């Protein structure tokens, strides 16, 4: 069983950061992975989980804004994009076995990757993602260590969208921006409308969406 997990978007202005944001984000993911597995073991010992070979996991994406820099950490097939001058600007890469670089990394870690029915999958669990929190039966090949990008924010950056694969499987990057622009007068409804649209288009995976506006909505309204 696989889930999608989102951490809060943090925004620090005028604050002295004593440690590297990249190091902090990486440590947060690794610690979350450890806590996830420790909780699973505790449930198994208490017999609240009967199935012994159950190895759940989840994907994760998180964003950290420090002054004019955007740091995005991703592990799995969640995705984050910026709307930059009205165009989608990806700030994450999907970590799936169909990606040659990820497939090569997993194989080097000793895990088997096979083509199964429709795509490349990892191990006996036939997992499609190559990075995640949990999935302890596939560690260390399916690592919890996120890929972290650093982006300089500009005046052209309007909003950030983070969502699970339940959205991206059926709604493309361009369509996501169009839907938000059409809903921007009700910013609180943007995430809900995207989730509703994904469901209407037949998404069969979990759908979680966060839309973060990077400048006043009134400005966006005048532009759109």
Protein backbone atom coordinates (compact mmCIF):
# COMPACT_ATOMS: atom_id res chain seq x y z
CA UNK A 1 0.00 0.00 0.00
CA UNK A 2 1.32 3.42 -0.88
CA UNK A 3 0.33 6.87 0.32
CA UNK A 4 1.41 10.43 -0.41
CA UNK A 5 2.72 12.66 2.35
CA UNK A 6 3.09 16.42 2.38
CA UNK A 7 5.08 18.50 4.84
CA UNK A 8 4.16 22.13 5.48
CA UNK A 9 5.49 24.86 3.24
CA UNK A 10 7.73 27.10 5.35
CA UNK A 11 8.59 30.69 4.58
CA UNK A 12 11.40 32.45 6.44
CA UNK A 13 12.16 36.13 5.84
CA UNK A 14 14.78 38.10 7.71
CA UNK A 15 15.76 35.03 9.71
CA UNK A 16 19.32 33.79 10.16
CA UNK A 17 19.43 30.12 9.21
CA UNK A 18 22.27 28.44 11.13
CA UNK A 19 22.32 25.20 9.13
CA UNK A 20 22.15 24.55 5.42
CA UNK A 21 18.53 24.34 4.20
CA UNK A 22 19.55 21.43 1.97
CA UNK A 23 21.06 19.52 4.89
CA UNK A 24 18.03 20.27 7.06
CA UNK A 25 15.57 19.02 4.46
CA UNK A 26 17.58 15.86 3.79
CA UNK A 27 17.77 15.11 7.53
CA UNK A 28 14.02 15.70 7.91
CA UNK A 29 13.27 13.05 5.29
CA UNK A 30 15.69 10.53 6.74
CA UNK A 31 14.34 11.06 10.27
CA UNK A 32 10.78 10.73 8.99
CA UNK A 33 11.71 7.44 7.35
CA UNK A 34 13.21 6.16 10.60
CA UNK A 35 10.16 7.25 12.61
CA UNK A 36 7.83 5.67 10.04
CA UNK A 37 9.53 2.30 10.29
CA UNK A 38 9.82 2.45 14.09
CA UNK A 39 6.08 3.09 14.34
CA UNK A 40 5.39 0.16 12.02
CA UNK A 41 7.54 -2.13 14.17
CA UNK A 42 5.71 -0.94 17.29
CA UNK A 43 2.37 -1.78 15.68
CA UNK A 44 3.64 -5.20 14.66
CA UNK A 45 4.85 -5.97 18.18
CA UNK A 46 1.52 -4.91 19.64
CA UNK A 47 -0.18 -7.23 17.12
CA UNK A 48 -2.23 -4.36 15.73
CA UNK A 49 -0.82 -5.42 12.35
CA UNK A 50 -1.44 -9.09 11.62
CA UNK A 51 0.17 -9.26 8.18
CA UNK A 52 3.89 -9.79 8.87
CA UNK A 53 5.12 -9.09 5.34
CA UNK A 54 3.31 -5.74 5.07
CA UNK A 55 5.75 -2.99 4.08
CA UNK A 56 3.83 0.25 3.52
CA UNK A 57 5.42 3.45 2.28
CA UNK A 58 4.65 6.95 1.11
CA UNK A 59 6.06 9.58 -1.21
CA UNK A 60 6.80 13.08 -0.01
CA UNK A 61 7.47 16.60 -1.24
CA UNK A 62 8.19 19.69 0.81
CA UNK A 63 9.11 23.29 0.05
CA UNK A 64 11.14 25.74 2.09
CA UNK A 65 11.38 29.44 1.21
CA UNK A 66 14.33 31.33 2.69
CA UNK A 67 14.23 34.96 1.61
CA UNK A 68 14.29 34.82 -2.22
CA UNK A 69 15.31 31.17 -2.52
CA UNK A 70 13.00 28.22 -2.92
CA UNK A 71 14.23 24.81 -1.78
CA UNK A 72 12.12 21.81 -2.78
CA UNK A 73 12.82 18.29 -1.53
CA UNK A 74 11.13 15.37 -3.25
CA UNK A 75 11.15 11.61 -2.76
CA UNK A 76 8.89 9.70 -5.12
CA UNK A 77 6.36 10.61 -7.76
CA UNK A 78 4.90 13.71 -6.18
CA UNK A 79 5.63 16.80 -8.25
CA UNK A 80 6.10 20.53 -7.69
CA UNK A 81 5.95 23.22 -10.35
CA UNK A 82 6.20 26.99 -10.33
CA UNK A 83 4.09 29.24 -12.49
CA UNK A 84 6.82 31.45 -13.93
CA UNK A 85 5.63 34.21 -16.25
CA UNK A 86 2.53 32.12 -16.90
CA UNK A 87 4.43 28.98 -17.89
CA UNK A 88 5.09 25.79 -15.88
CA UNK A 89 8.59 25.63 -14.39
CA UNK A 90 9.25 22.18 -12.87
CA UNK A 91 11.24 22.16 -9.63
CA UNK A 92 11.14 18.39 -9.05
CA UNK A 93 11.80 15.22 -11.03
CA UNK A 94 9.58 12.14 -10.80
CA UNK A 95 11.44 9.29 -9.09
CA UNK A 96 10.10 6.24 -10.89
CA UNK A 97 11.74 3.12 -12.26
CA UNK A 98 10.99 4.20 -15.83
CA UNK A 99 13.53 7.02 -15.37
CA UNK A 100 16.88 5.62 -16.65
CA UNK A 101 19.00 7.41 -14.03
CA UNK A 102 16.81 6.22 -11.16
CA UNK A 103 16.66 2.69 -12.56
CA UNK A 104 20.45 2.60 -12.82
CA UNK A 105 20.84 3.85 -9.24
CA UNK A 106 18.44 1.22 -7.88
CA UNK A 107 20.19 -1.60 -9.74
CA UNK A 108 23.58 -0.46 -8.41
CA UNK A 109 22.11 -0.72 -4.91
CA UNK A 110 21.36 -4.38 -5.56
CA UNK A 111 17.62 -4.33 -6.19
CA UNK A 112 15.99 -6.03 -9.16
CA UNK A 113 14.12 -3.89 -11.67
CA UNK A 114 11.81 -5.62 -14.14
CA UNK A 115 9.35 -4.62 -16.83
CA UNK A 116 5.93 -5.70 -15.57
CA UNK A 117 2.85 -5.28 -17.73
CA UNK A 118 3.01 -1.53 -18.30
CA UNK A 119 6.22 -0.08 -16.83
CA UNK A 120 9.45 -0.74 -14.95
CA UNK A 121 8.99 -1.82 -11.33
CA UNK A 122 11.28 -2.50 -8.35
CA UNK A 123 11.58 -5.80 -6.52
CA UNK A 124 9.01 -8.44 -5.67
CA UNK A 125 6.70 -5.69 -4.44
CA UNK A 126 6.60 -4.32 -8.02
CA UNK A 127 6.98 -0.79 -6.71
CA UNK A 128 6.97 1.89 -9.37
CA UNK A 129 8.60 4.66 -7.30
CA UNK A 130 12.33 4.56 -6.55
CA UNK A 131 12.42 6.87 -3.54
CA UNK A 132 10.04 6.86 -0.61
CA UNK A 133 9.54 6.96 3.13
CA UNK A 134 8.92 3.45 4.43
CA UNK A 135 9.06 0.46 2.05
CA UNK A 136 11.66 -1.04 4.37
CA UNK A 137 11.80 -4.31 2.41
CA UNK A 138 13.36 -2.40 -0.50
CA UNK A 139 15.88 -0.30 1.44
CA UNK A 140 18.49 0.99 0.68
CA UNK A 141 17.71 0.82 -3.05
CA UNK A 142 14.40 2.67 -2.60
CA UNK A 143 15.94 5.44 -0.58
CA UNK A 144 14.25 8.06 1.58
CA UNK A 145 16.97 10.57 0.71
CA UNK A 146 15.23 13.28 -1.30
CA UNK A 147 16.42 15.07 -4.38
CA UNK A 148 16.64 18.76 -3.48
CA UNK A 149 16.51 21.67 -5.89
CA UNK A 150 17.39 25.30 -5.18
CA UNK A 151 15.67 28.01 -7.23
CA UNK A 152 16.07 31.78 -7.12
CA UNK A 153 12.58 33.29 -6.98
CA UNK A 154 11.89 36.18 -9.32
CA UNK A 155 9.13 38.71 -9.89
CA UNK A 156 7.82 36.40 -12.61
CA UNK A 157 7.03 33.62 -10.11
CA UNK A 158 3.30 33.65 -9.35
CA UNK A 159 2.50 30.49 -7.40
CA UNK A 160 3.80 27.05 -6.46
CA UNK A 161 1.82 23.84 -6.95
CA UNK A 162 2.68 20.64 -5.05
CA UNK A 163 0.62 17.53 -5.62
CA UNK A 164 0.62 13.75 -5.51
CA UNK A 165 0.59 11.61 -8.64
CA UNK A 166 -3.18 11.31 -8.42
CA UNK A 167 -3.30 14.80 -9.95
CA UNK A 168 -0.39 14.59 -12.37
CA UNK A 169 -1.49 11.22 -13.80
CA UNK A 170 -4.49 12.86 -15.45
CA UNK A 171 -3.87 16.63 -15.46
CA UNK A 172 -0.82 18.03 -17.26
CA UNK A 173 1.33 20.91 -16.07
CA UNK A 174 -0.19 23.40 -18.52
CA UNK A 175 -3.75 22.40 -17.58
CA UNK A 176 -2.97 22.79 -13.87
CA UNK A 177 -1.88 26.40 -14.42
CA UNK A 178 -4.92 27.14 -16.58
CA UNK A 179 -7.30 25.82 -13.93
CA UNK A 180 -5.65 27.90 -11.21
CA UNK A 181 -5.74 31.05 -13.33
CA UNK A 182 -9.43 30.45 -13.92
CA UNK A 183 -10.04 30.08 -10.17
CA UNK A 184 -7.67 32.74 -8.83
CA UNK A 185 -10.42 35.09 -7.60
CA UNK A 186 -11.19 32.37 -5.05
CA UNK A 187 -7.65 31.31 -4.05
CA UNK A 188 -8.91 29.05 -1.30
CA UNK A 189 -10.72 26.95 -3.91
CA UNK A 190 -7.74 26.32 -6.24
CA UNK A 191 -6.54 23.12 -4.56
CA UNK A 192 -10.08 21.79 -4.26
CA UNK A 193 -10.87 22.49 -7.88
CA UNK A 194 -7.71 20.73 -9.06
CA UNK A 195 -8.53 17.68 -6.94
CA UNK A 196 -12.10 17.66 -8.23
CA UNK A 197 -10.89 17.92 -11.82
CA UNK A 198 -8.48 15.01 -11.33
CA UNK A 199 -11.28 12.90 -9.91
CA UNK A 200 -13.59 13.83 -12.78
CA UNK A 201 -10.92 12.78 -15.27
CA UNK A 202 -10.82 9.34 -13.73
CA UNK A 203 -7.80 9.43 -11.44
CA UNK A 204 -7.57 6.18 -9.50
CA UNK A 205 -4.76 7.23 -7.15
CA UNK A 206 -4.82 9.39 -4.05
CA UNK A 207 -5.10 13.11 -4.79
CA UNK A 208 -3.48 15.70 -2.56
CA UNK A 209 -2.86 19.26 -3.74
CA UNK A 210 -1.32 22.40 -2.25
CA UNK A 211 -1.28 25.75 -4.06
CA UNK A 212 0.93 28.48 -2.60
CA UNK A 213 0.60 32.02 -3.94
CA UNK A 214 3.93 33.85 -3.97
CA UNK A 215 2.50 37.33 -4.45
CA UNK A 216 -0.77 39.07 -3.65
CA UNK A 217 -3.74 37.51 -5.40
CA UNK A 218 -4.98 40.97 -6.43
CA UNK A 219 -1.83 41.31 -8.57
CA UNK A 220 -2.48 37.94 -10.17
CA UNK A 221 -6.07 38.94 -10.92
CA UNK A 222 -4.91 42.01 -12.85
CA UNK A 223 -2.45 39.91 -14.87
CA UNK A 224 -4.87 37.14 -15.71
